[in-house]
Amino acid sequence: VGIDVDPWKVALAEGLDAALHRTDDVVGHTLALSNGRGADAVIVTATSTNHDPLVLAGEIARDRAHVVIVGAVPIDVPRSPYYEKELDVRLSRSYGPGRYDRAYEERGIDYPAGYVRWTENRNMQAFLQAVQAKQVSLDKLVTHRFAIDDAPRAYDLLESTEPYLGVVLHYDADAPVAKSVLVAPRTSRGRANLGLIGAGSFAGGKLLPILKSLHGVAFAKVATASGLSAKDVARRHGFAAAVGSADEILDDDAIDTVVIATRHDSHAELAERALARGKAVLVEKPLATTREQLERVMAVATRNPALAVGFNRRFSPHVDHLRAAFALVPGALAIQIRVNAGAASPDSWAHDDGGRLLGEGCHFIDLAHAIAGAPITRVHAVAIGHPDPDARLRDNAAITLGFANGGIATILYTAKGDAGSGKERVEVFGGGISATIDDFTTTTIVRNGRSERYKTAQDKGHRAELVRFIEMATAGARPPIALAELRLSSVAALAVLESLDTGNAIEL
């Protein structure tokens, strides 16, 4: 039995046992078809601002039947007849079990059929098999077809009063595929034709506005995981083209400068390929999620050293101010960095591939490396453990670094604090001098009993880092961070995870 308030859709459903309008005798027809029992199951796919669909579902259901809510209706279940019939009300979550589960949808970890018979994927398989066997016909569900060149007419249809269901845009399979052409190809060494791979909130909100303000940067192509988001980024930021994959950027010889701002697991592979094509590369941190990945990237970088990693904090003017204060201090420094990172959803992708300690903690390892002025030689890490429920996320840890000049650094990274206490605080001690950076807005130097204060709007070094990167890309300047330091900061970040796993200090 199919019921609708739209006469056109009722007519379209001709061929069912009963295709009924809401004003018909729905209850009578249903009882007649079911030998007086009523429906075994009722699926509500309506959109409504009142509970009439649920009232009707209860009226046509038999005793102890199932009422499954798929559509957007107020879940205001009337006591009668739901109580009298002891009806079972269920909600269907989109495509079925697995929907919104990142382990299932993104990592491909399936549920055993013995425990979850009908997952999102198995539901789709069953539907496609039913279509193939002609148990389900889609013919009536597609009411309009338009050639892609006539796409505006399809959108006009959506705003018209003409009834429609499925609207298909089709391509001419034999037509040549148009290739995007750069509007401003690189014509001199002083210009960077930039390709952006990945354009999430950080790239769109921080990197692109700065790059747009720099002289000699032409926004050529952008690729994201979603074609729609790529098109939106291209429109908002002035890229010449939005393309469907990273390959279309990496394989384009006209693009000589690449920014990689994807999720962590793809950083190393994309950076390796871009460097191998002779491009200047800025890859967001971390550079790699395994030692094997890291060594492959560094091997290519020995042939093309035009590599930068988003370790921006070492370029902050506050760090410059602090380092100047200790420039003539003999002996080693004692460094303490506190990162009040805030909690992230347990289901967030930030916990994947080394988690937040690798993805964000590497920032502060590199910062300590830059301040200490000597290679990192030793790493030891301890994380909050069981029975604390946050232990499995591994985003509450104390990291100790040792340096070749005898210096030490401790980094406390925690997701347990309150944002009101500030996010990042750096303290350095040496030669009778104490220095503090508070959230990269205020630096205080104390020596001989007197305090000096340096204040700015928050500046974590992004602009200075990007200026250095573009100078490398356009004028052949040295990499913003020496390759040996990039590698060592990355090795130390990976050693944090090894130390947590083994409980041992890791000698580098």
Protein backbone atom coordinates (compact mmCIF):
# COMPACT_ATOMS: atom_id res chain seq x y z
CA VAL A 1 0.00 0.00 0.00
CA GLY A 2 1.37 3.40 -0.98
CA ILE A 3 -0.12 6.62 0.42
CA ASP A 4 0.67 10.23 -0.54
CA VAL A 5 -0.90 13.69 -0.40
CA ASP A 6 0.20 14.44 -3.99
CA PRO A 7 -2.22 13.05 -6.65
CA TRP A 8 0.59 13.05 -9.26
CA LYS A 9 2.73 10.72 -7.15
CA VAL A 10 -0.25 8.47 -6.41
CA ALA A 11 -0.83 8.15 -10.17
CA LEU A 12 2.88 7.43 -10.67
CA ALA A 13 2.59 4.53 -8.20
CA GLU A 14 -0.08 2.78 -10.26
CA GLY A 15 0.58 -0.94 -10.18
CA LEU A 16 0.89 -1.33 -6.42
CA ASP A 17 -1.75 -3.37 -4.63
CA ALA A 18 -3.16 -0.01 -3.57
CA ALA A 19 -1.93 3.48 -4.44
CA LEU A 20 -4.00 5.77 -2.25
CA HIS A 21 -4.46 9.47 -1.72
CA ARG A 22 -4.56 10.63 1.88
CA THR A 23 -8.24 11.51 1.47
CA ASP A 24 -9.12 7.93 0.42
CA ASP A 25 -10.32 5.28 2.85
CA VAL A 26 -6.74 4.28 3.71
CA VAL A 27 -7.68 2.22 6.77
CA GLY A 28 -10.42 0.34 4.93
CA HIS A 29 -8.23 -0.53 1.96
CA THR A 30 -5.39 -1.70 4.24
CA LEU A 31 -7.69 -3.92 6.29
CA ALA A 32 -9.20 -5.39 3.12
CA LEU A 33 -5.77 -6.30 1.75
CA SER A 34 -4.65 -7.86 5.05
CA ASN A 35 -7.68 -9.98 5.88
CA GLY A 36 -8.67 -7.49 8.55
CA ARG A 37 -5.38 -7.56 10.47
CA GLY A 38 -3.73 -4.32 9.33
CA ALA A 39 -0.19 -3.67 8.12
CA ASP A 40 2.69 -5.75 9.52
CA ALA A 41 5.02 -2.77 9.05
CA VAL A 42 4.54 0.89 8.16
CA ILE A 43 7.43 2.98 6.80
CA VAL A 44 6.96 6.75 7.19
CA THR A 45 8.95 8.58 4.50
CA ALA A 46 6.94 11.82 4.62
CA THR A 47 8.11 15.31 5.45
CA SER A 48 5.59 17.05 7.68
CA THR A 49 5.29 19.75 10.32
CA ASN A 50 2.56 17.84 12.18
CA HIS A 51 2.18 14.27 13.40
CA ASP A 52 -0.57 13.24 10.97
CA PRO A 53 1.73 10.66 9.26
CA LEU A 54 2.36 8.98 12.63
CA VAL A 55 -1.33 9.04 13.51
CA LEU A 56 -2.17 7.37 10.19
CA ALA A 57 0.63 4.82 10.63
CA GLY A 58 -0.82 3.79 13.97
CA GLU A 59 -4.33 3.50 12.53
CA ILE A 60 -3.36 1.13 9.70
CA ALA A 61 -0.89 -1.01 11.69
CA ARG A 62 -1.88 -4.37 13.16
CA ASP A 63 -1.26 -5.31 16.79
CA ARG A 64 2.45 -5.28 17.69
CA ALA A 65 3.46 -4.08 14.22
CA HIS A 66 6.57 -2.05 13.41
CA VAL A 67 6.38 1.67 12.56
CA VAL A 68 9.69 2.81 11.02
CA ILE A 69 10.36 6.56 10.80
CA VAL A 70 12.58 7.50 7.86
CA GLY A 71 11.23 10.94 6.95
CA ALA A 72 11.43 14.28 8.77
CA VAL A 73 8.31 14.27 10.93
CA PRO A 74 7.72 15.42 14.51
CA ILE A 75 8.27 12.42 16.73
CA ASP A 76 5.15 13.09 18.75
CA VAL A 77 3.75 9.59 19.05
CA PRO A 78 0.05 9.58 20.05
CA ARG A 79 -0.70 7.27 22.97
CA SER A 80 -3.73 5.87 21.18
CA PRO A 81 -3.52 3.61 19.18
CA TYR A 82 0.19 3.02 19.87
CA TYR A 83 -0.49 1.88 23.44
CA GLU A 84 -3.53 -0.24 22.62
CA LYS A 85 -1.71 -2.04 19.80
CA GLU A 86 1.66 -2.15 21.60
CA LEU A 87 3.37 -0.85 18.46
CA ASP A 88 7.15 -0.94 18.01
CA VAL A 89 8.45 2.48 16.86
CA ARG A 90 11.87 2.54 15.23
CA LEU A 91 13.99 5.23 13.57
CA SER A 92 16.08 4.46 10.53
CA ARG A 93 19.46 6.22 10.52
CA SER A 94 20.12 7.11 6.92
CA TYR A 95 21.66 4.14 5.06
CA GLY A 96 21.84 1.79 8.05
CA PRO A 97 24.44 0.58 10.57
CA GLY A 98 27.85 2.06 9.77
CA ARG A 99 26.53 5.50 8.83
CA TYR A 100 28.44 8.23 10.70
CA ASP A 101 30.91 5.62 12.02
CA ARG A 102 34.34 6.82 10.87
CA ALA A 103 35.94 3.41 11.51
CA TYR A 104 33.41 1.89 9.11
CA GLU A 105 33.03 4.61 6.48
CA GLU A 106 36.59 5.94 6.29
CA ARG A 107 38.81 3.09 7.47
CA GLY A 108 36.81 0.23 5.99
CA ILE A 109 36.47 -1.73 9.24
CA ASP A 110 33.38 -3.84 8.61
CA TYR A 111 30.90 -5.31 11.08
CA PRO A 112 30.74 -9.14 11.04
CA ALA A 113 27.53 -10.28 9.34
CA GLY A 114 26.76 -12.51 12.32
CA TYR A 115 26.40 -9.43 14.50
CA VAL A 116 25.16 -6.79 12.03
CA ARG A 117 23.48 -8.41 9.06
CA TRP A 118 22.39 -5.28 7.19
CA THR A 119 25.10 -2.65 7.19
CA GLU A 120 25.17 0.46 5.05
CA ASN A 121 27.19 -1.32 2.37
CA ARG A 122 25.16 -4.55 2.42
CA ASN A 123 21.96 -2.55 2.12
CA MET A 124 23.35 -0.93 -1.03
CA GLN A 125 24.50 -4.29 -2.40
CA ALA A 126 21.04 -5.78 -1.89
CA PHE A 127 19.39 -2.81 -3.58
CA LEU A 128 21.69 -2.96 -6.62
CA GLN A 129 21.08 -6.71 -6.90
CA ALA A 130 17.33 -6.07 -6.83
CA VAL A 131 17.71 -3.49 -9.61
CA GLN A 132 19.84 -5.89 -11.66
CA ALA A 133 17.25 -8.68 -11.21
CA LYS A 134 14.49 -6.22 -12.20
CA GLN A 135 12.79 -6.71 -8.84
CA VAL A 136 13.01 -2.94 -8.53
CA SER A 137 12.40 -0.58 -11.43
CA LEU A 138 13.89 2.90 -11.44
CA ASP A 139 12.16 3.97 -14.64
CA LYS A 140 9.37 5.86 -12.92
CA LEU A 141 11.73 7.43 -10.40
CA VAL A 142 13.63 9.32 -13.12
CA THR A 143 11.21 11.87 -14.55
CA HIS A 144 13.60 14.22 -16.38
CA ARG A 145 16.88 13.97 -18.24
CA PHE A 146 19.05 16.86 -19.47
CA ALA A 147 22.31 17.04 -21.36
CA ILE A 148 25.01 18.61 -19.23
CA ASP A 149 25.03 21.65 -21.53
CA ASP A 150 21.35 22.16 -20.64
CA ALA A 151 21.97 21.97 -16.89
CA PRO A 152 20.47 25.46 -16.25
CA ARG A 153 17.12 24.08 -17.45
CA ALA A 154 17.31 21.41 -14.76
CA TYR A 155 17.71 24.05 -12.09
CA ASP A 156 14.85 26.04 -13.58
CA LEU A 157 12.73 22.89 -13.18
CA LEU A 158 13.48 22.75 -9.46
CA GLU A 159 12.06 26.23 -9.02
CA SER A 160 9.00 25.65 -11.22
CA THR A 161 5.59 24.15 -10.38
CA GLU A 162 6.13 21.21 -12.74
CA PRO A 163 6.20 17.90 -10.80
CA TYR A 164 9.45 15.93 -10.79
CA LEU A 165 11.28 13.16 -8.98
CA GLY A 166 14.73 12.08 -10.14
CA VAL A 167 16.52 14.56 -12.46
CA VAL A 168 19.52 13.16 -14.37
CA LEU A 169 22.27 15.17 -16.06
CA HIS A 170 24.02 13.12 -18.74
CA TYR A 171 27.29 13.58 -20.62
CA ASP A 172 28.07 12.75 -24.22
CA ALA A 173 30.50 9.86 -23.80
CA ASP A 174 32.14 10.57 -27.15
CA ALA A 175 32.67 14.30 -26.58
CA PRO A 176 36.27 15.42 -25.96
CA VAL A 177 37.06 16.23 -22.34
CA ALA A 178 38.01 19.87 -21.90
CA LYS A 179 41.21 20.42 -19.95
CA SER A 180 41.58 23.41 -17.65
CA VAL A 181 44.15 25.95 -18.78
CA LEU A 182 46.08 28.24 -16.46
CA VAL A 183 45.23 31.87 -17.00
CA ALA A 184 48.59 33.04 -15.75
CA PRO A 185 51.34 30.49 -16.46
CA ARG A 186 54.70 31.12 -14.88
CA THR A 187 56.76 33.38 -17.10
CA SER A 188 59.72 34.15 -14.89
CA ARG A 189 61.60 32.85 -11.90
CA GLY A 190 60.02 35.58 -9.78
CA ARG A 191 56.52 34.11 -9.93
CA ALA A 192 55.04 31.12 -8.12
CA ASN A 193 52.24 29.25 -9.86
CA LEU A 194 50.64 27.64 -6.85
CA GLY A 195 48.63 24.44 -6.57
CA LEU A 196 46.77 23.72 -3.34
CA ILE A 197 45.96 20.13 -2.33
CA GLY A 198 43.44 20.06 0.49
CA ALA A 199 41.53 23.15 1.55
CA GLY A 200 40.06 22.67 4.99
CA SER A 201 39.42 25.36 7.57
CA PHE A 202 43.12 25.91 8.35
CA ALA A 203 44.14 26.34 4.72
CA GLY A 204 41.13 28.51 3.90
CA GLY A 205 41.21 30.59 7.06
CA LYS A 206 44.94 31.02 7.61
CA LEU A 207 47.21 30.03 4.71
CA LEU A 208 45.31 31.35 1.68
CA PRO A 209 44.66 34.88 2.98
CA ILE A 210 48.38 35.29 3.70
CA LEU A 211 49.50 33.77 0.40
CA LYS A 212 47.04 35.98 -1.46
CA SER A 213 48.67 39.07 0.07
CA LEU A 214 52.20 38.10 -1.01
CA HIS A 215 53.72 39.46 -4.20
CA GLY A 216 54.37 37.03 -7.03
CA VAL A 217 51.92 34.24 -6.09
CA ALA A 218 49.41 33.12 -8.74
CA PHE A 219 46.65 30.80 -7.54
CA ALA A 220 46.56 28.16 -10.28
CA LYS A 221 44.67 25.03 -9.22
CA VAL A 222 43.01 23.63 -6.12
CA ALA A 223 42.04 20.01 -5.42
CA THR A 224 40.07 18.76 -2.43
CA ALA A 225 38.42 15.52 -1.39
CA SER A 226 35.12 16.98 -2.58
CA GLY A 227 34.70 18.57 -5.99
CA LEU A 228 32.08 20.91 -4.56
CA SER A 229 34.43 22.25 -1.88
CA ALA A 230 37.23 22.68 -4.46
CA LYS A 231 34.91 24.74 -6.64
CA ASP A 232 33.88 26.85 -3.66
CA VAL A 233 37.51 27.48 -2.63
CA ALA A 234 38.43 28.36 -6.22
CA ARG A 235 35.59 30.88 -6.38
CA ARG A 236 36.26 32.48 -2.99
CA HIS A 237 40.03 32.72 -3.30
CA GLY A 238 40.52 33.29 -7.01
CA PHE A 239 42.08 30.03 -8.23
CA ALA A 240 42.14 29.67 -12.00
CA ALA A 241 40.72 26.14 -11.79
CA ALA A 242 39.23 23.59 -9.42
CA VAL A 243 40.37 20.09 -10.35
CA GLY A 244 39.22 16.63 -9.40
CA SER A 245 42.40 15.11 -7.99
CA ALA A 246 45.87 15.84 -6.65
CA ASP A 247 47.31 14.18 -9.80
CA GLU A 248 46.07 17.08 -11.92
CA ILE A 249 48.24 19.39 -9.85
CA LEU A 250 51.29 17.15 -9.46
CA ASP A 251 51.36 16.27 -13.18
CA ASP A 252 51.00 19.89 -14.34
CA ASP A 253 54.44 21.20 -15.32
CA ALA A 254 53.13 24.77 -15.25
CA ILE A 255 52.61 24.48 -11.49
CA ASP A 256 55.95 24.88 -9.74
CA THR A 257 54.80 25.48 -6.16
CA VAL A 258 52.58 23.15 -4.12
CA VAL A 259 50.95 23.54 -0.71
CA ILE A 260 49.75 20.27 0.85
CA ALA A 261 47.07 20.73 3.51
CA THR A 262 45.35 17.34 3.46
CA ARG A 263 44.83 14.96 6.36
CA HIS A 264 47.99 13.58 7.93
CA ASP A 265 48.05 10.14 6.33
CA SER A 266 48.61 11.54 2.82
CA HIS A 267 51.28 14.17 3.61
CA ALA A 268 54.38 12.08 2.96
CA GLU A 269 53.24 10.50 -0.30
CA LEU A 270 52.10 13.81 -1.81
CA ALA A 271 55.24 15.63 -0.68
CA GLU A 272 57.47 12.88 -2.11
CA ARG A 273 55.70 12.99 -5.48
CA ALA A 274 55.71 16.78 -5.68
CA LEU A 275 59.42 17.00 -4.85
CA ALA A 276 60.17 14.30 -7.43
CA ARG A 277 58.48 16.50 -10.05
CA GLY A 278 60.83 19.36 -9.19
CA LYS A 279 58.27 21.52 -7.39
CA ALA A 280 58.72 23.67 -4.29
CA VAL A 281 56.65 22.10 -1.52
CA LEU A 282 55.10 23.30 1.72
CA VAL A 283 53.51 20.39 3.56
CA GLU A 284 51.52 20.91 6.71
CA LYS A 285 52.76 19.04 9.74
CA PRO A 286 53.42 16.25 10.36
CA LEU A 287 55.73 15.55 7.45
CA ALA A 288 55.20 11.79 7.84
CA THR A 289 53.39 9.34 10.09
CA THR A 290 56.06 6.58 9.93
CA ARG A 291 59.86 6.48 9.78
CA GLU A 292 59.70 4.69 6.44
CA GLN A 293 57.60 7.50 4.94
CA LEU A 294 59.92 10.12 6.40
CA GLU A 295 63.08 8.58 4.97
CA ARG A 296 61.51 8.31 1.50
CA VAL A 297 60.63 12.01 1.53
CA MET A 298 64.07 13.01 2.78
CA ALA A 299 65.74 10.87 0.09
CA VAL A 300 63.91 12.82 -2.61
CA ALA A 301 64.66 16.09 -0.80
CA THR A 302 68.39 15.46 -1.16
CA ARG A 303 67.85 15.87 -4.92
CA ASN A 304 65.28 18.68 -4.65
CA PRO A 305 65.71 20.47 -1.30
CA ALA A 306 62.84 22.92 -1.92
CA LEU A 307 60.89 21.54 1.05
CA ALA A 308 59.17 23.38 3.88
CA VAL A 309 57.06 21.94 6.71
CA GLY A 310 54.42 23.90 8.60
CA PHE A 311 56.48 24.31 11.78
CA ASN A 312 55.42 27.94 11.95
CA ARG A 313 55.98 28.75 15.62
CA ARG A 314 59.76 28.99 15.31
CA PHE A 315 59.13 31.94 12.91
CA SER A 316 57.09 33.97 15.40
CA PRO A 317 58.59 37.37 16.31
CA HIS A 318 58.14 36.32 19.95
CA VAL A 319 60.54 33.43 19.41
CA ASP A 320 62.97 35.80 17.66
CA HIS A 321 62.74 38.12 20.68
CA LEU A 322 63.33 35.25 23.11
CA ARG A 323 66.25 33.78 21.18
CA ALA A 324 67.92 37.19 21.02
CA ALA A 325 67.75 37.41 24.82
CA PHE A 326 69.69 34.13 25.19
CA ALA A 327 72.03 34.61 22.22
CA LEU A 328 75.13 35.28 24.34
CA VAL A 329 74.22 33.08 27.30
CA PRO A 330 76.85 30.39 28.01
CA GLY A 331 75.72 26.88 28.78
CA ALA A 332 72.54 25.00 28.14
CA LEU A 333 68.93 26.13 28.44
CA ALA A 334 66.06 24.64 30.41
CA ILE A 335 62.81 24.86 28.43
CA GLN A 336 59.26 24.21 29.52
CA ILE A 337 56.29 24.31 27.11
CA ARG A 338 52.70 23.89 28.28
CA VAL A 339 50.03 23.23 25.64
CA ASN A 340 46.44 23.46 26.89
CA ALA A 341 45.08 21.97 23.66
CA GLY A 342 41.45 21.44 24.65
CA ALA A 343 39.41 18.32 24.13
CA ALA A 344 38.67 16.88 20.68
CA SER A 345 35.80 14.52 19.95
CA PRO A 346 36.88 10.90 20.50
CA ASP A 347 35.66 10.19 16.96
CA SER A 348 37.69 13.03 15.38
CA TRP A 349 40.13 12.18 12.59
CA ALA A 350 42.75 14.10 14.63
CA HIS A 351 43.20 10.94 16.72
CA ASP A 352 44.17 8.88 13.65
CA ASP A 353 47.69 8.19 12.34
CA GLY A 354 49.68 9.03 15.44
CA GLY A 355 46.98 11.18 16.95
CA ARG A 356 47.30 14.69 18.30
CA LEU A 357 50.72 14.11 19.86
CA LEU A 358 52.15 13.58 16.39
CA GLY A 359 49.82 15.88 14.46
CA GLU A 360 50.13 18.90 16.75
CA GLY A 361 52.74 17.91 19.32
CA CYS A 362 55.42 17.99 16.62
CA HIS A 363 54.98 21.80 16.55
CA PHE A 364 56.34 22.10 20.06
CA ILE A 365 59.10 19.56 19.58
CA ASP A 366 60.34 21.67 16.67
CA LEU A 367 59.90 24.86 18.71
CA ALA A 368 62.01 23.43 21.56
CA HIS A 369 64.56 22.28 18.96
CA ALA A 370 64.80 25.81 17.55
CA ILE A 371 65.11 27.45 20.98
CA ALA A 372 67.69 24.99 22.32
CA GLY A 373 69.99 25.62 19.35
CA ALA A 374 71.30 22.05 19.34
CA PRO A 375 70.25 18.66 17.94
CA ILE A 376 67.76 16.51 19.88
CA THR A 377 69.50 13.40 21.20
CA ARG A 378 66.96 11.78 23.52
CA VAL A 379 63.16 11.49 23.79
CA HIS A 380 61.07 10.13 26.64
CA ALA A 381 57.28 10.35 26.95
CA VAL A 382 54.71 9.36 29.56
CA ALA A 383 50.95 9.56 28.97
CA ILE A 384 47.97 9.52 31.29
CA GLY A 385 47.00 5.88 31.70
CA HIS A 386 44.18 3.63 32.72
CA PRO A 387 41.73 3.67 34.42
CA ASP A 388 41.35 7.25 33.14
CA PRO A 389 38.87 7.01 30.21
CA ASP A 390 40.94 9.53 28.19
CA ALA A 391 43.95 7.21 28.18
CA ARG A 392 43.04 5.55 24.88
CA LEU A 393 43.16 8.90 23.03
CA ARG A 394 46.80 9.58 24.05
CA ASP A 395 46.41 13.35 23.99
CA ASN A 396 47.56 13.93 27.59
CA ALA A 397 51.30 13.39 27.83
CA ALA A 398 54.54 14.75 29.25
CA ILE A 399 57.47 14.71 26.81
CA THR A 400 61.10 15.18 27.82
CA LEU A 401 63.79 16.06 25.28
CA GLY A 402 67.54 16.02 25.70
CA PHE A 403 69.87 18.06 23.47
CA ALA A 404 73.45 17.62 22.31
CA ASN A 405 74.60 20.72 24.25
CA GLY A 406 73.20 19.37 27.53
CA GLY A 407 69.95 21.32 27.39
CA ILE A 408 66.59 19.90 28.35
CA ALA A 409 62.97 20.58 27.44
CA THR A 410 59.70 19.36 28.86
CA ILE A 411 56.45 19.59 26.91
CA LEU A 412 53.13 19.07 28.67
CA TYR A 413 50.39 18.48 26.10
CA THR A 414 46.94 18.15 27.62
CA ALA A 415 43.31 18.03 26.56
CA LYS A 416 42.03 18.32 30.13
CA GLY A 417 42.29 22.05 30.81
CA ASP A 418 40.00 25.04 30.57
CA ALA A 419 40.41 27.39 27.61
CA GLY A 420 40.28 30.38 29.94
CA SER A 421 43.81 29.67 31.12
CA GLY A 422 45.27 30.21 27.64
CA LYS A 423 46.50 27.65 25.15
CA GLU A 424 50.29 27.89 24.89
CA ARG A 425 52.94 29.03 27.36
CA VAL A 426 56.70 28.79 26.79
CA GLU A 427 59.23 29.30 29.60
CA VAL A 428 63.00 29.35 29.12
CA PHE A 429 65.71 29.60 31.77
CA GLY A 430 69.47 30.05 31.31
CA GLY A 431 72.39 32.24 32.33
CA GLY A 432 70.40 33.99 35.04
CA ILE A 433 67.68 35.00 32.56
CA SER A 434 64.05 33.92 32.65
CA ALA A 435 61.75 34.37 29.64
CA THR A 436 58.08 33.62 29.06
CA ILE A 437 55.90 33.63 25.93
CA ASP A 438 52.16 33.72 26.64
CA ASP A 439 49.98 32.60 23.72
CA PHE A 440 52.32 34.34 21.27
CA THR A 441 50.92 37.74 22.28
CA THR A 442 53.25 38.69 25.13
CA THR A 443 56.91 37.92 25.77
CA THR A 444 58.45 38.81 29.13
CA ILE A 445 62.22 38.79 29.68
CA VAL A 446 63.47 39.01 33.28
CA ARG A 447 67.16 39.67 33.99
CA ASN A 448 69.00 41.44 36.78
CA GLY A 449 65.70 41.83 38.58
CA ARG A 450 64.13 43.86 35.78
CA SER A 451 61.36 42.89 33.35
CA GLU A 452 61.08 43.74 29.66
CA ARG A 453 57.80 43.12 27.87
CA TYR A 454 57.14 42.69 24.15
CA LYS A 455 53.48 42.65 23.01
CA THR A 456 51.75 42.08 19.66
CA ALA A 457 48.50 40.75 18.30
CA GLN A 458 48.75 36.96 18.36
CA ASP A 459 51.48 35.96 15.91
CA LYS A 460 52.40 32.29 15.67
CA GLY A 461 54.73 32.86 12.74
CA HIS A 462 52.50 31.85 9.83
CA ARG A 463 53.19 34.93 7.75
CA ALA A 464 56.96 34.89 8.24
CA GLU A 465 57.02 31.18 7.40
CA LEU A 466 55.07 31.68 4.16
CA VAL A 467 57.24 34.63 3.13
CA ARG A 468 60.32 32.42 3.48
CA PHE A 469 58.60 29.61 1.57
CA ILE A 470 57.70 31.86 -1.38
CA GLU A 471 61.23 33.30 -1.42
CA MET A 472 62.50 29.73 -1.72
CA ALA A 473 60.01 28.94 -4.49
CA THR A 474 60.56 32.09 -6.57
CA ALA A 475 64.12 33.18 -5.89
CA GLY A 476 65.89 29.97 -4.99
CA ALA A 477 66.45 30.98 -1.36
CA ARG A 478 67.44 28.34 1.17
CA PRO A 479 64.64 26.27 2.73
CA PRO A 480 63.02 28.04 5.69
CA ILE A 481 64.23 25.20 7.96
CA ALA A 482 67.38 23.23 7.18
CA LEU A 483 66.54 19.72 5.98
CA ALA A 484 68.56 18.14 8.79
CA GLU A 485 66.48 20.01 11.37
CA LEU A 486 63.22 19.12 9.59
CA ARG A 487 64.17 15.49 9.66
CA LEU A 488 65.30 15.51 13.30
CA SER A 489 62.15 17.26 14.57
CA SER A 490 60.08 14.68 12.67
CA VAL A 491 62.13 11.74 13.97
CA ALA A 492 61.74 13.05 17.52
CA ALA A 493 57.96 13.37 17.11
CA LEU A 494 57.74 9.77 15.92
CA ALA A 495 60.00 8.72 18.80
CA VAL A 496 57.41 10.09 21.24
CA LEU A 497 54.99 7.41 20.04
CA GLU A 498 57.68 4.73 20.26
CA SER A 499 58.49 5.81 23.82
CA LEU A 500 54.82 5.61 24.82
CA ASP A 501 54.56 2.13 23.32
CA THR A 502 57.70 0.76 24.97
CA GLY A 503 57.93 2.81 28.13
CA ASN A 504 61.60 3.51 27.33
CA ALA A 505 63.60 6.59 26.52
CA ILE A 506 64.56 6.66 22.84
CA GLU A 507 68.12 7.62 21.89
CA LEU A 508 68.26 9.38 18.51
